[in-house]
PDB file of N, CA and C in Angstrom:
ATOM      1  N   UNK A   1     -29.499 -75.646 245.484  1.00  0.00           N
ATOM      2  CA  UNK A   1     -30.443 -76.426 244.494  1.00  0.00           C
ATOM      3  C   UNK A   1     -30.959 -76.029 242.933  1.00  0.00           C
ATOM      4  N   UNK A   2     -31.174 -76.240 242.415  1.00  0.00           N
ATOM      5  CA  UNK A   2     -31.279 -75.752 240.340  1.00  0.00           C
ATOM      6  C   UNK A   2     -33.234 -75.730 240.602  1.00  0.00           C
ATOM      7  N   UNK A   3     -33.007 -74.841 239.881  1.00  0.00           N
ATOM      8  CA  UNK A   3     -35.089 -75.107 240.179  1.00  0.00           C
ATOM      9  C   UNK A   3     -35.418 -75.054 238.983  1.00  0.00           C
ATOM     10  N   UNK A   4     -36.224 -75.822 239.125  1.00  0.00           N
ATOM     11  CA  UNK A   4     -37.541 -76.648 238.367  1.00  0.00           C
ATOM     12  C   UNK A   4     -38.311 -75.656 236.735  1.00  0.00           C
ATOM     13  N   UNK A   5     -37.687 -75.283 235.705  1.00  0.00           N
ATOM     14  CA  UNK A   5     -39.176 -74.582 235.233  1.00  0.00           C
ATOM     15  C   UNK A   5     -39.595 -75.633 234.740  1.00  0.00           C
ATOM     16  N   UNK A   6     -41.377 -75.257 234.630  1.00  0.00           N
ATOM     17  CA  UNK A   6     -42.313 -75.905 233.759  1.00  0.00           C
ATOM     18  C   UNK A   6     -42.408 -75.388 232.962  1.00  0.00           C
ATOM     19  N   UNK A   7     -42.755 -75.932 231.388  1.00  0.00           N
ATOM     20  CA  UNK A   7     -42.701 -74.932 230.185  1.00  0.00           C
ATOM     21  C   UNK A   7     -44.482 -75.657 230.194  1.00  0.00           C
ATOM     22  N   UNK A   8     -45.284 -75.288 229.740  1.00  0.00           N
ATOM     23  CA  UNK A   8     -46.224 -75.624 229.208  1.00  0.00           C
ATOM     24  C   UNK A   8     -46.874 -74.948 228.623  1.00  0.00           C
ATOM     25  N   UNK A   9     -47.505 -75.287 227.440  1.00  0.00           N
ATOM     26  CA  UNK A   9     -48.112 -75.031 226.179  1.00  0.00           C
ATOM     27  C   UNK A   9     -50.370 -74.589 225.983  1.00  0.00           C
ATOM     28  N   UNK A  10     -50.737 -74.371 225.921  1.00  0.00           N
ATOM     29  CA  UNK A  10     -51.645 -74.138 226.035  1.00  0.00           C
ATOM     30  C   UNK A  10     -52.270 -73.779 224.366  1.00  0.00           C
ATOM     31  N   UNK A  11     -52.917 -74.770 223.434  1.00  0.00           N
ATOM     32  CA  UNK A  11     -53.177 -74.346 222.136  1.00  0.00           C
ATOM     33  C   UNK A  11     -54.612 -74.260 221.780  1.00  0.00           C
ATOM     34  N   UNK A  12     -54.829 -73.376 220.765  1.00  0.00           N
ATOM     35  CA  UNK A  12     -56.363 -72.883 221.471  1.00  0.00           C
ATOM     36  C   UNK A  12     -57.283 -73.145 220.450  1.00  0.00           C
ATOM     37  N   UNK A  13     -58.397 -74.062 220.010  1.00  0.00           N
ATOM     38  CA  UNK A  13     -58.385 -74.757 218.155  1.00  0.00           C
ATOM     39  C   UNK A  13     -60.005 -73.942 217.890  1.00  0.00           C
ATOM     40  N   UNK A  14     -59.793 -74.053 216.727  1.00  0.00           N
ATOM     41  CA  UNK A  14     -61.488 -73.672 215.703  1.00  0.00           C
ATOM     42  C   UNK A  14     -61.534 -74.667 215.364  1.00  0.00           C
ATOM     43  N   UNK A  15     -62.717 -75.866 215.921  1.00  0.00           N
ATOM     44  CA  UNK A  15     -62.948 -77.029 215.480  1.00  0.00           C
ATOM     45  C   UNK A  15     -64.443 -76.618 215.396  1.00  0.00           C
ATOM     46  N   UNK A  16     -64.253 -77.277 213.027  1.00  0.00           N
ATOM     47  CA  UNK A  16     -65.759 -77.501 213.216  1.00  0.00           C
ATOM     48  C   UNK A  16     -65.809 -78.285 212.644  1.00  0.00           C
ATOM     49  N   UNK A  17     -67.809 -78.920 213.107  1.00  0.00           N
ATOM     50  CA  UNK A  17     -68.072 -80.031 212.860  1.00  0.00           C
ATOM     51  C   UNK A  17     -69.927 -79.529 212.760  1.00  0.00           C
ATOM     52  N   UNK A  18     -70.217 -80.825 211.754  1.00  0.00           N
ATOM     53  CA  UNK A  18     -71.834 -81.114 212.133  1.00  0.00           C
ATOM     54  C   UNK A  18     -72.376 -81.921 213.366  1.00  0.00           C
ATOM     55  N   UNK A  19     -73.763 -81.261 213.459  1.00  0.00           N
ATOM     56  CA  UNK A  19     -74.504 -82.691 214.420  1.00  0.00           C
ATOM     57  C   UNK A  19     -75.391 -83.365 213.849  1.00  0.00           C
ATOM     58  N   UNK A  20     -75.261 -84.159 213.849  1.00  0.00           N
ATOM     59  CA  UNK A  20     -76.736 -84.565 213.235  1.00  0.00           C
ATOM     60  C   UNK A  20     -76.926 -86.234 214.106  1.00  0.00           C
ATOM     61  N   UNK A  21     -78.306 -86.026 214.184  1.00  0.00           N
ATOM     62  CA  UNK A  21     -78.457 -87.412 214.522  1.00  0.00           C
ATOM     63  C   UNK A  21     -78.501 -87.800 216.102  1.00  0.00           C
ATOM     64  N   UNK A  22     -77.781 -86.809 217.622  1.00  0.00           N
ATOM     65  CA  UNK A  22     -77.232 -87.299 218.188  1.00  0.00           C
ATOM     66  C   UNK A  22     -75.616 -87.450 218.171  1.00  0.00           C
ATOM     67  N   UNK A  23     -74.926 -86.971 216.780  1.00  0.00           N
ATOM     68  CA  UNK A  23     -73.379 -87.110 216.663  1.00  0.00           C
ATOM     69  C   UNK A  23     -73.023 -86.112 216.375  1.00  0.00           C
ATOM     70  N   UNK A  24     -72.322 -86.036 216.133  1.00  0.00           N
ATOM     71  CA  UNK A  24     -71.034 -85.150 216.136  1.00  0.00           C
ATOM     72  C   UNK A  24     -70.229 -85.747 214.834  1.00  0.00           C
ATOM     73  N   UNK A  25     -70.118 -84.983 213.547  1.00  0.00           N
ATOM     74  CA  UNK A  25     -69.252 -85.011 212.540  1.00  0.00           C
ATOM     75  C   UNK A  25     -68.375 -83.890 212.115  1.00  0.00           C
ATOM     76  N   UNK A  26     -66.982 -84.710 212.647  1.00  0.00           N
ATOM     77  CA  UNK A  26     -66.220 -83.539 212.096  1.00  0.00           C
ATOM     78  C   UNK A  26     -65.632 -83.210 211.054  1.00  0.00           C
ATOM     79  N   UNK A  27     -65.327 -81.903 211.026  1.00  0.00           N
ATOM     80  CA  UNK A  27     -65.188 -81.475 209.283  1.00  0.00           C
ATOM     81  C   UNK A  27     -63.749 -81.117 208.874  1.00  0.00           C
ATOM     82  N   UNK A  28     -63.459 -79.672 209.821  1.00  0.00           N
ATOM     83  CA  UNK A  28     -61.822 -80.060 210.459  1.00  0.00           C
ATOM     84  C   UNK A  28     -61.412 -78.832 211.493  1.00  0.00           C
ATOM     85  N   UNK A  29     -60.293 -78.644 211.592  1.00  0.00           N
ATOM     86  CA  UNK A  29     -59.744 -77.292 213.166  1.00  0.00           C
ATOM     87  C   UNK A  29     -58.863 -76.229 212.315  1.00  0.00           C
ATOM     88  N   UNK A  30     -58.809 -75.575 212.893  1.00  0.00           N
ATOM     89  CA  UNK A  30     -57.694 -74.874 212.745  1.00  0.00           C
ATOM     90  C   UNK A  30     -56.629 -74.329 214.781  1.00  0.00           C
ATOM     91  N   UNK A  31     -55.433 -73.959 214.142  1.00  0.00           N
ATOM     92  CA  UNK A  31     -54.706 -73.820 215.215  1.00  0.00           C
ATOM     93  C   UNK A  31     -54.654 -72.539 214.734  1.00  0.00           C
ATOM     94  N   UNK A  32     -55.256 -71.458 215.909  1.00  0.00           N
ATOM     95  CA  UNK A  32     -55.725 -70.333 216.233  1.00  0.00           C
ATOM     96  C   UNK A  32     -54.447 -69.438 216.778  1.00  0.00           C
ATOM     97  N   UNK A  33     -53.647 -70.445 218.202  1.00  0.00           N
ATOM     98  CA  UNK A  33     -52.372 -69.994 218.763  1.00  0.00           C
ATOM     99  C   UNK A  33     -52.131 -70.552 219.743  1.00  0.00           C
ATOM    100  N   UNK A  34     -50.853 -70.488 220.037  1.00  0.00           N
ATOM    101  CA  UNK A  34     -50.209 -71.084 221.425  1.00  0.00           C
ATOM    102  C   UNK A  34     -50.419 -70.708 222.144  1.00  0.00           C
ATOM    103  N   UNK A  35     -50.318 -69.985 223.539  1.00  0.00           N
ATOM    104  CA  UNK A  35     -50.152 -70.164 224.666  1.00  0.00           C
ATOM    105  C   UNK A  35     -48.552 -70.581 226.061  1.00  0.00           C
ATOM    106  N   UNK A  36     -48.015 -69.594 226.179  1.00  0.00           N
ATOM    107  CA  UNK A  36     -46.818 -70.393 226.482  1.00  0.00           C
ATOM    108  C   UNK A  36     -46.686 -70.215 227.991  1.00  0.00           C
ATOM    109  N   UNK A  37     -46.359 -70.764 228.960  1.00  0.00           N
ATOM    110  CA  UNK A  37     -46.270 -70.590 230.351  1.00  0.00           C
ATOM    111  C   UNK A  37     -45.418 -70.957 230.543  1.00  0.00           C
ATOM    112  N   UNK A  38     -44.531 -70.755 231.911  1.00  0.00           N
ATOM    113  CA  UNK A  38     -43.006 -71.110 232.466  1.00  0.00           C
ATOM    114  C   UNK A  38     -43.855 -70.983 233.575  1.00  0.00           C
ATOM    115  N   UNK A  39     -44.878 -71.384 234.924  1.00  0.00           N
ATOM    116  CA  UNK A  39     -45.082 -71.677 235.483  1.00  0.00           C
ATOM    117  C   UNK A  39     -47.066 -72.545 235.445  1.00  0.00           C
ATOM    118  N   UNK A  40     -47.909 -73.452 237.005  1.00  0.00           N
ATOM    119  CA  UNK A  40     -48.781 -74.100 236.574  1.00  0.00           C
ATOM    120  C   UNK A  40     -49.807 -72.266 236.210  1.00  0.00           C
ATOM    121  N   UNK A  41     -50.486 -72.787 235.461  1.00  0.00           N
ATOM    122  CA  UNK A  41     -51.291 -71.599 235.595  1.00  0.00           C
ATOM    123  C   UNK A  41     -53.070 -72.026 235.363  1.00  0.00           C
ATOM    124  N   UNK A  42     -53.700 -70.603 235.254  1.00  0.00           N
ATOM    125  CA  UNK A  42     -55.545 -71.088 235.586  1.00  0.00           C
ATOM    126  C   UNK A  42     -55.835 -69.929 234.380  1.00  0.00           C
ATOM    127  N   UNK A  43     -57.639 -69.967 234.531  1.00  0.00           N
ATOM    128  CA  UNK A  43     -57.981 -70.056 233.325  1.00  0.00           C
ATOM    129  C   UNK A  43     -57.456 -68.272 233.838  1.00  0.00           C
ATOM    130  N   UNK A  44     -57.447 -67.346 234.412  1.00  0.00           N
ATOM    131  CA  UNK A  44     -57.395 -66.155 235.360  1.00  0.00           C
ATOM    132  C   UNK A  44     -56.443 -65.386 234.005  1.00  0.00           C
ATOM    133  N   UNK A  45     -55.061 -66.727 234.359  1.00  0.00           N
ATOM    134  CA  UNK A  45     -53.809 -66.266 233.499  1.00  0.00           C
ATOM    135  C   UNK A  45     -54.245 -66.394 231.661  1.00  0.00           C
ATOM    136  N   UNK A  46     -54.833 -67.572 231.197  1.00  0.00           N
ATOM    137  CA  UNK A  46     -55.085 -67.479 229.838  1.00  0.00           C
ATOM    138  C   UNK A  46     -55.774 -66.557 229.759  1.00  0.00           C
ATOM    139  N   UNK A  47     -56.598 -66.168 229.941  1.00  0.00           N
ATOM    140  CA  UNK A  47     -57.235 -64.148 229.441  1.00  0.00           C
ATOM    141  C   UNK A  47     -56.788 -63.370 229.462  1.00  0.00           C
ATOM    142  N   UNK A  48     -55.746 -63.110 231.030  1.00  0.00           N
ATOM    143  CA  UNK A  48     -55.197 -62.522 230.310  1.00  0.00           C
ATOM    144  C   UNK A  48     -54.369 -62.034 228.880  1.00  0.00           C
ATOM    145  N   UNK A  49     -53.282 -62.847 228.868  1.00  0.00           N
ATOM    146  CA  UNK A  49     -53.392 -63.289 227.579  1.00  0.00           C
ATOM    147  C   UNK A  49     -53.336 -63.278 226.590  1.00  0.00           C
ATOM    148  N   UNK A  50     -54.679 -63.580 226.621  1.00  0.00           N
ATOM    149  CA  UNK A  50     -55.185 -62.918 225.460  1.00  0.00           C
ATOM    150  C   UNK A  50     -55.693 -60.963 224.719  1.00  0.00           C
ATOM    151  N   UNK A  51     -56.263 -61.091 226.254  1.00  0.00           N
ATOM    152  CA  UNK A  51     -56.700 -59.939 226.331  1.00  0.00           C
ATOM    153  C   UNK A  51     -55.389 -58.907 226.468  1.00  0.00           C
ATOM    154  N   UNK A  52     -54.154 -59.292 226.675  1.00  0.00           N
ATOM    155  CA  UNK A  52     -53.066 -58.403 226.390  1.00  0.00           C
ATOM    156  C   UNK A  52     -52.783 -57.440 224.869  1.00  0.00           C
ATOM    157  N   UNK A  53     -52.265 -56.177 225.068  1.00  0.00           N
ATOM    158  CA  UNK A  53     -51.272 -56.331 224.584  1.00  0.00           C
ATOM    159  C   UNK A  53     -50.376 -56.470 223.687  1.00  0.00           C
ATOM    160  N   UNK A  54     -49.843 -57.730 224.838  1.00  0.00           N
ATOM    161  CA  UNK A  54     -48.023 -58.629 223.748  1.00  0.00           C
ATOM    162  C   UNK A  54     -48.883 -58.298 222.231  1.00  0.00           C
ATOM    163  N   UNK A  55     -47.866 -58.446 221.682  1.00  0.00           N
ATOM    164  CA  UNK A  55     -47.395 -58.889 220.482  1.00  0.00           C
ATOM    165  C   UNK A  55     -47.741 -60.133 220.085  1.00  0.00           C
ATOM    166  N   UNK A  56     -47.406 -60.593 220.917  1.00  0.00           N
ATOM    167  CA  UNK A  56     -47.242 -62.510 220.618  1.00  0.00           C
ATOM    168  C   UNK A  56     -47.660 -63.043 221.023  1.00  0.00           C
ATOM    169  N   UNK A  57     -49.073 -62.488 221.951  1.00  0.00           N
ATOM    170  CA  UNK A  57     -50.687 -62.619 221.824  1.00  0.00           C
ATOM    171  C   UNK A  57     -52.020 -62.249 221.147  1.00  0.00           C
ATOM    172  N   UNK A  58     -51.515 -61.208 220.289  1.00  0.00           N
ATOM    173  CA  UNK A  58     -52.926 -59.789 220.424  1.00  0.00           C
ATOM    174  C   UNK A  58     -53.349 -60.636 218.523  1.00  0.00           C
ATOM    175  N   UNK A  59     -52.659 -61.731 217.831  1.00  0.00           N
ATOM    176  CA  UNK A  59     -52.885 -62.634 217.068  1.00  0.00           C
ATOM    177  C   UNK A  59     -53.668 -62.799 217.159  1.00  0.00           C
ATOM    178  N   UNK A  60     -53.308 -64.082 218.380  1.00  0.00           N
ATOM    179  CA  UNK A  60     -54.840 -65.368 218.734  1.00  0.00           C
ATOM    180  C   UNK A  60     -56.075 -63.882 218.965  1.00  0.00           C
ATOM    181  N   UNK A  61     -55.951 -63.259 219.222  1.00  0.00           N
ATOM    182  CA  UNK A  61     -57.137 -61.831 219.582  1.00  0.00           C
ATOM    183  C   UNK A  61     -58.389 -61.469 218.360  1.00  0.00           C
ATOM    184  N   UNK A  62     -57.255 -60.952 218.097  1.00  0.00           N
ATOM    185  CA  UNK A  62     -57.723 -60.981 216.462  1.00  0.00           C
ATOM    186  C   UNK A  62     -58.162 -61.969 215.622  1.00  0.00           C
ATOM    187  N   UNK A  63     -57.548 -63.235 215.329  1.00  0.00           N
ATOM    188  CA  UNK A  63     -58.230 -64.384 214.991  1.00  0.00           C
ATOM    189  C   UNK A  63     -59.817 -65.056 215.966  1.00  0.00           C
ATOM    190  N   UNK A  64     -59.996 -64.849 216.850  1.00  0.00           N
ATOM    191  CA  UNK A  64     -61.382 -65.211 217.955  1.00  0.00           C
ATOM    192  C   UNK A  64     -62.364 -64.579 217.102  1.00  0.00           C
ATOM    193  N   UNK A  65     -63.938 -64.874 216.509  1.00  0.00           N
ATOM    194  CA  UNK A  65     -64.743 -64.232 216.418  1.00  0.00           C
ATOM    195  C   UNK A  65     -65.665 -64.389 217.857  1.00  0.00           C
ATOM    196  N   UNK A  66     -66.407 -63.176 218.654  1.00  0.00           N
ATOM    197  CA  UNK A  66     -67.465 -63.014 219.309  1.00  0.00           C
ATOM    198  C   UNK A  66     -68.409 -64.034 218.837  1.00  0.00           C
ATOM    199  N   UNK A  67     -68.577 -65.053 220.584  1.00  0.00           N
ATOM    200  CA  UNK A  67     -69.782 -65.211 220.630  1.00  0.00           C
ATOM    201  C   UNK A  67     -69.263 -67.274 220.268  1.00  0.00           C
ATOM    202  N   UNK A  68     -68.205 -66.900 219.528  1.00  0.00           N
ATOM    203  CA  UNK A  68     -67.982 -68.204 219.060  1.00  0.00           C
ATOM    204  C   UNK A  68     -66.527 -69.470 219.826  1.00  0.00           C
ATOM    205  N   UNK A  69     -67.197 -70.849 219.933  1.00  0.00           N
ATOM    206  CA  UNK A  69     -65.936 -71.782 220.462  1.00  0.00           C
ATOM    207  C   UNK A  69     -65.709 -72.185 220.407  1.00  0.00           C
ATOM    208  N   UNK A  70     -63.502 -72.275 221.055  1.00  0.00           N
ATOM    209  CA  UNK A  70     -62.954 -72.444 221.048  1.00  0.00           C
ATOM    210  C   UNK A  70     -62.287 -73.399 222.075  1.00  0.00           C
ATOM    211  N   UNK A  71     -61.677 -74.368 221.395  1.00  0.00           N
ATOM    212  CA  UNK A  71     -61.493 -75.720 222.690  1.00  0.00           C
ATOM    213  C   UNK A  71     -59.754 -75.241 222.989  1.00  0.00           C
ATOM    214  N   UNK A  72     -59.246 -75.524 224.248  1.00  0.00           N
ATOM    215  CA  UNK A  72     -57.988 -75.181 224.855  1.00  0.00           C
ATOM    216  C   UNK A  72     -57.614 -76.303 224.999  1.00  0.00           C
ATOM    217  N   UNK A  73     -56.250 -77.143 224.879  1.00  0.00           N
ATOM    218  CA  UNK A  73     -55.551 -78.749 225.026  1.00  0.00           C
ATOM    219  C   UNK A  73     -54.634 -78.325 225.277  1.00  0.00           C
ATOM    220  N   UNK A  74     -53.443 -79.348 225.969  1.00  0.00           N
ATOM    221  CA  UNK A  74     -52.429 -79.007 225.831  1.00  0.00           C
ATOM    222  C   UNK A  74     -52.036 -80.664 225.373  1.00  0.00           C
ATOM    223  N   UNK A  75     -51.077 -79.520 224.253  1.00  0.00           N
ATOM    224  CA  UNK A  75     -50.495 -81.433 223.351  1.00  0.00           C
ATOM    225  C   UNK A  75     -49.343 -82.362 224.078  1.00  0.00           C
ATOM    226  N   UNK A  76     -48.503 -82.005 225.184  1.00  0.00           N
ATOM    227  CA  UNK A  76     -47.904 -82.486 224.749  1.00  0.00           C
ATOM    228  C   UNK A  76     -46.993 -81.976 226.700  1.00  0.00           C
ATOM    229  N   UNK A  77     -47.781 -83.154 227.817  1.00  0.00           N
ATOM    230  CA  UNK A  77     -48.443 -84.525 227.413  1.00  0.00           C
ATOM    231  C   UNK A  77     -50.175 -83.724 227.069  1.00  0.00           C
ATOM    232  N   UNK A  78     -51.029 -85.004 226.301  1.00  0.00           N
ATOM    233  CA  UNK A  78     -52.549 -84.405 226.270  1.00  0.00           C
ATOM    234  C   UNK A  78     -53.336 -84.592 227.076  1.00  0.00           C
ATOM    235  N   UNK A  79     -53.790 -83.505 227.267  1.00  0.00           N
ATOM    236  CA  UNK A  79     -54.286 -82.655 228.888  1.00  0.00           C
ATOM    237  C   UNK A  79     -55.575 -81.532 227.771  1.00  0.00           C
ATOM    238  N   UNK A  80     -56.693 -82.141 228.539  1.00  0.00           N
ATOM    239  CA  UNK A  80     -57.879 -80.580 227.865  1.00  0.00           C
ATOM    240  C   UNK A  80     -57.881 -79.853 228.491  1.00  0.00           C
ATOM    241  N   UNK A  81     -57.822 -78.769 228.458  1.00  0.00           N
ATOM    242  CA  UNK A  81     -58.014 -77.937 229.807  1.00  0.00           C
ATOM    243  C   UNK A  81     -59.655 -76.948 229.722  1.00  0.00           C
ATOM    244  N   UNK A  82     -59.729 -76.765 229.059  1.00  0.00           N
ATOM    245  CA  UNK A  82     -61.460 -76.694 228.175  1.00  0.00           C
ATOM    246  C   UNK A  82     -62.002 -75.571 227.266  1.00  0.00           C
ATOM    247  N   UNK A  83     -62.285 -74.830 227.577  1.00  0.00           N
ATOM    248  CA  UNK A  83     -64.081 -73.728 226.220  1.00  0.00           C
ATOM    249  C   UNK A  83     -63.045 -72.629 226.369  1.00  0.00           C
ATOM    250  N   UNK A  84     -63.093 -71.938 225.893  1.00  0.00           N
ATOM    251  CA  UNK A  84     -63.316 -70.176 225.790  1.00  0.00           C
ATOM    252  C   UNK A  84     -63.890 -69.678 224.725  1.00  0.00           C
ATOM    253  N   UNK A  85     -64.854 -68.505 224.571  1.00  0.00           N
ATOM    254  CA  UNK A  85     -65.904 -67.621 224.247  1.00  0.00           C
ATOM    255  C   UNK A  85     -65.483 -66.662 224.509  1.00  0.00           C
ATOM    256  N   UNK A  86     -64.867 -66.106 223.872  1.00  0.00           N
ATOM    257  CA  UNK A  86     -65.358 -64.169 223.697  1.00  0.00           C
ATOM    258  C   UNK A  86     -66.712 -63.724 223.202  1.00  0.00           C
ATOM    259  N   UNK A  87     -67.368 -62.803 224.594  1.00  0.00           N
ATOM    260  CA  UNK A  87     -68.303 -62.892 224.384  1.00  0.00           C
ATOM    261  C   UNK A  87     -68.128 -61.154 224.609  1.00  0.00           C
ATOM    262  N   UNK A  88     -69.365 -59.874 224.357  1.00  0.00           N
ATOM    263  CA  UNK A  88     -69.103 -58.867 224.898  1.00  0.00           C
ATOM    264  C   UNK A  88     -68.838 -58.234 225.754  1.00  0.00           C
ATOM    265  N   UNK A  89     -68.166 -57.990 226.316  1.00  0.00           N
ATOM    266  CA  UNK A  89     -67.921 -57.160 227.654  1.00  0.00           C
ATOM    267  C   UNK A  89     -67.897 -58.444 228.479  1.00  0.00           C
ATOM    268  N   UNK A  90     -67.130 -58.954 227.803  1.00  0.00           N
ATOM    269  CA  UNK A  90     -66.990 -60.131 228.872  1.00  0.00           C
ATOM    270  C   UNK A  90     -66.316 -61.831 228.042  1.00  0.00           C
ATOM    271  N   UNK A  91     -65.226 -62.369 228.866  1.00  0.00           N
ATOM    272  CA  UNK A  91     -64.420 -63.839 228.490  1.00  0.00           C
ATOM    273  C   UNK A  91     -65.415 -64.333 228.794  1.00  0.00           C
ATOM    274  N   UNK A  92     -65.566 -65.868 228.574  1.00  0.00           N
ATOM    275  CA  UNK A  92     -65.927 -66.989 228.809  1.00  0.00           C
ATOM    276  C   UNK A  92     -65.102 -68.326 229.271  1.00  0.00           C
ATOM    277  N   UNK A  93     -64.915 -68.985 230.104  1.00  0.00           N
ATOM    278  CA  UNK A  93     -63.306 -69.613 229.947  1.00  0.00           C
ATOM    279  C   UNK A  93     -64.221 -70.807 230.770  1.00  0.00           C
ATOM    280  N   UNK A  94     -64.625 -72.175 231.043  1.00  0.00           N
ATOM    281  CA  UNK A  94     -64.017 -73.365 231.502  1.00  0.00           C
ATOM    282  C   UNK A  94     -64.127 -74.643 231.092  1.00  0.00           C
ATOM    283  N   UNK A  95     -64.652 -75.256 232.212  1.00  0.00           N
ATOM    284  CA  UNK A  95     -63.912 -76.639 232.215  1.00  0.00           C
ATOM    285  C   UNK A  95     -64.739 -76.783 230.424  1.00  0.00           C
ATOM    286  N   UNK A  96     -63.563 -77.890 229.725  1.00  0.00           N
ATOM    287  CA  UNK A  96     -64.302 -79.005 229.372  1.00  0.00           C
ATOM    288  C   UNK A  96     -66.021 -80.040 229.557  1.00  0.00           C
ATOM    289  N   UNK A  97     -66.798 -79.516 228.918  1.00  0.00           N
ATOM    290  CA  UNK A  97     -68.605 -80.753 229.390  1.00  0.00           C
ATOM    291  C   UNK A  97     -68.083 -81.720 228.467  1.00  0.00           C
ATOM    292  N   UNK A  98     -68.816 -82.741 228.382  1.00  0.00           N
ATOM    293  CA  UNK A  98     -68.876 -84.141 228.028  1.00  0.00           C
ATOM    294  C   UNK A  98     -69.006 -84.175 226.223  1.00  0.00           C
ATOM    295  N   UNK A  99     -69.731 -83.171 226.035  1.00  0.00           N
ATOM    296  CA  UNK A  99     -70.445 -82.795 224.809  1.00  0.00           C
ATOM    297  C   UNK A  99     -69.279 -81.709 223.681  1.00  0.00           C
ATOM    298  N   UNK A 100     -68.049 -80.698 224.811  1.00  0.00           N
ATOM    299  CA  UNK A 100     -67.239 -80.324 224.524  1.00  0.00           C
ATOM    300  C   UNK A 100     -66.237 -81.381 224.434  1.00  0.00           C
ATOM    301  N   UNK A 101     -66.311 -82.541 225.440  1.00  0.00           N
ATOM    302  CA  UNK A 101     -64.832 -83.356 224.722  1.00  0.00           C
ATOM    303  C   UNK A 101     -65.918 -84.614 223.372  1.00  0.00           C
ATOM    304  N   UNK A 102     -66.630 -84.062 223.481  1.00  0.00           N
ATOM    305  CA  UNK A 102     -66.669 -85.294 221.841  1.00  0.00           C
ATOM    306  C   UNK A 102     -66.283 -84.179 220.913  1.00  0.00           C
ATOM    307  N   UNK A 103     -66.706 -83.427 220.883  1.00  0.00           N
ATOM    308  CA  UNK A 103     -66.098 -83.083 219.887  1.00  0.00           C
ATOM    309  C   UNK A 103     -64.640 -82.686 220.349  1.00  0.00           C
ATOM    310  N   UNK A 104     -64.335 -82.601 221.238  1.00  0.00           N
ATOM    311  CA  UNK A 104     -62.430 -82.392 220.973  1.00  0.00           C
ATOM    312  C   UNK A 104     -61.794 -84.035 220.430  1.00  0.00           C
ATOM    313  N   UNK A 105     -62.600 -84.893 220.808  1.00  0.00           N
ATOM    314  CA  UNK A 105     -61.786 -86.418 220.069  1.00  0.00           C
ATOM    315  C   UNK A 105     -62.578 -87.004 218.487  1.00  0.00           C
ATOM    316  N   UNK A 106     -63.209 -85.778 218.137  1.00  0.00           N
ATOM    317  CA  UNK A 106     -63.593 -86.297 216.969  1.00  0.00           C
ATOM    318  C   UNK A 106     -62.143 -85.617 216.578  1.00  0.00           C
ATOM    319  N   UNK A 107     -62.469 -84.820 216.616  1.00  0.00           N
ATOM    320  CA  UNK A 107     -60.217 -83.492 215.520  1.00  0.00           C
ATOM    321  C   UNK A 107     -59.335 -84.460 216.065  1.00  0.00           C
ATOM    322  N   UNK A 108     -59.343 -85.283 217.583  1.00  0.00           N
ATOM    323  CA  UNK A 108     -58.058 -85.475 217.693  1.00  0.00           C
ATOM    324  C   UNK A 108     -58.320 -87.539 218.050  1.00  0.00           C
ATOM    325  N   UNK A 109     -58.882 -88.021 217.213  1.00  0.00           N
ATOM    326  CA  UNK A 109     -59.597 -89.230 218.021  1.00  0.00           C
ATOM    327  C   UNK A 109     -58.362 -90.267 217.921  1.00  0.00           C
ATOM    328  N   UNK A 110     -57.268 -90.146 218.535  1.00  0.00           N
ATOM    329  CA  UNK A 110     -56.242 -90.960 218.824  1.00  0.00           C
ATOM    330  C   UNK A 110     -56.079 -90.804 220.528  1.00  0.00           C
ATOM    331  N   UNK A 111     -56.295 -89.769 220.636  1.00  0.00           N
ATOM    332  CA  UNK A 111     -55.994 -89.288 221.517  1.00  0.00           C
ATOM    333  C   UNK A 111     -57.386 -89.806 222.706  1.00  0.00           C
ATOM    334  N   UNK A 112     -56.766 -89.500 224.377  1.00  0.00           N
ATOM    335  CA  UNK A 112     -57.725 -89.924 225.404  1.00  0.00           C
ATOM    336  C   UNK A 112     -58.931 -89.011 226.003  1.00  0.00           C
ATOM    337  N   UNK A 113     -60.244 -88.531 225.680  1.00  0.00           N
ATOM    338  CA  UNK A 113     -60.397 -86.940 225.967  1.00  0.00           C
ATOM    339  C   UNK A 113     -61.589 -87.236 226.764  1.00  0.00           C
ATOM    340  N   UNK A 114     -61.387 -88.740 228.081  1.00  0.00           N
ATOM    341  CA  UNK A 114     -62.397 -88.785 229.379  1.00  0.00           C
ATOM    342  C   UNK A 114     -64.032 -88.585 228.415  1.00  0.00           C
ATOM    343  N   UNK A 115     -64.116 -89.761 227.481  1.00  0.00           N
ATOM    344  CA  UNK A 115     -65.349 -89.900 227.763  1.00  0.00           C
ATOM    345  C   UNK A 115     -66.310 -91.022 227.367  1.00  0.00           C
ATOM    346  N   UNK A 116     -67.587 -90.998 227.526  1.00  0.00           N
ATOM    347  CA  UNK A 116     -68.753 -91.730 227.325  1.00  0.00           C
ATOM    348  C   UNK A 116     -68.073 -93.068 226.962  1.00  0.00           C
ATOM    349  N   UNK A 117     -67.920 -94.683 227.142  1.00  0.00           N
ATOM    350  CA  UNK A 117     -67.286 -95.282 225.999  1.00  0.00           C
ATOM    351  C   UNK A 117     -65.983 -95.316 225.337  1.00  0.00           C
ATOM    352  N   UNK A 118     -64.753 -94.472 226.199  1.00  0.00           N
ATOM    353  CA  UNK A 118     -63.999 -94.532 225.850  1.00  0.00           C
ATOM    354  C   UNK A 118     -62.833 -95.094 226.961  1.00  0.00           C
TER     355      UNK A 118
END
């Protein structure tokens, strides 16, 4: 029996936007980096890779600023993974709630983000 290897890539984006009159106006997005997994990952695995001393992922950590929110997605196939924020003393990783999904939708208008009205 042949072993099946799962290849997963989680891209981390900084999305700049304006919030005015209960609407999100997309400005630009920057891909911070990509995490590679050969298995089904969880939030602890994401944190371990970002905070590791592995040179492959150190540049992601170096690009991230404290207390800023970054958005994590799998691009192929499309899947919203969640949000991440580095805070002093801890790392906050959570699912993308509706407001976060609206921001992601503004940056990726052709993708399904499971928001109201979509």
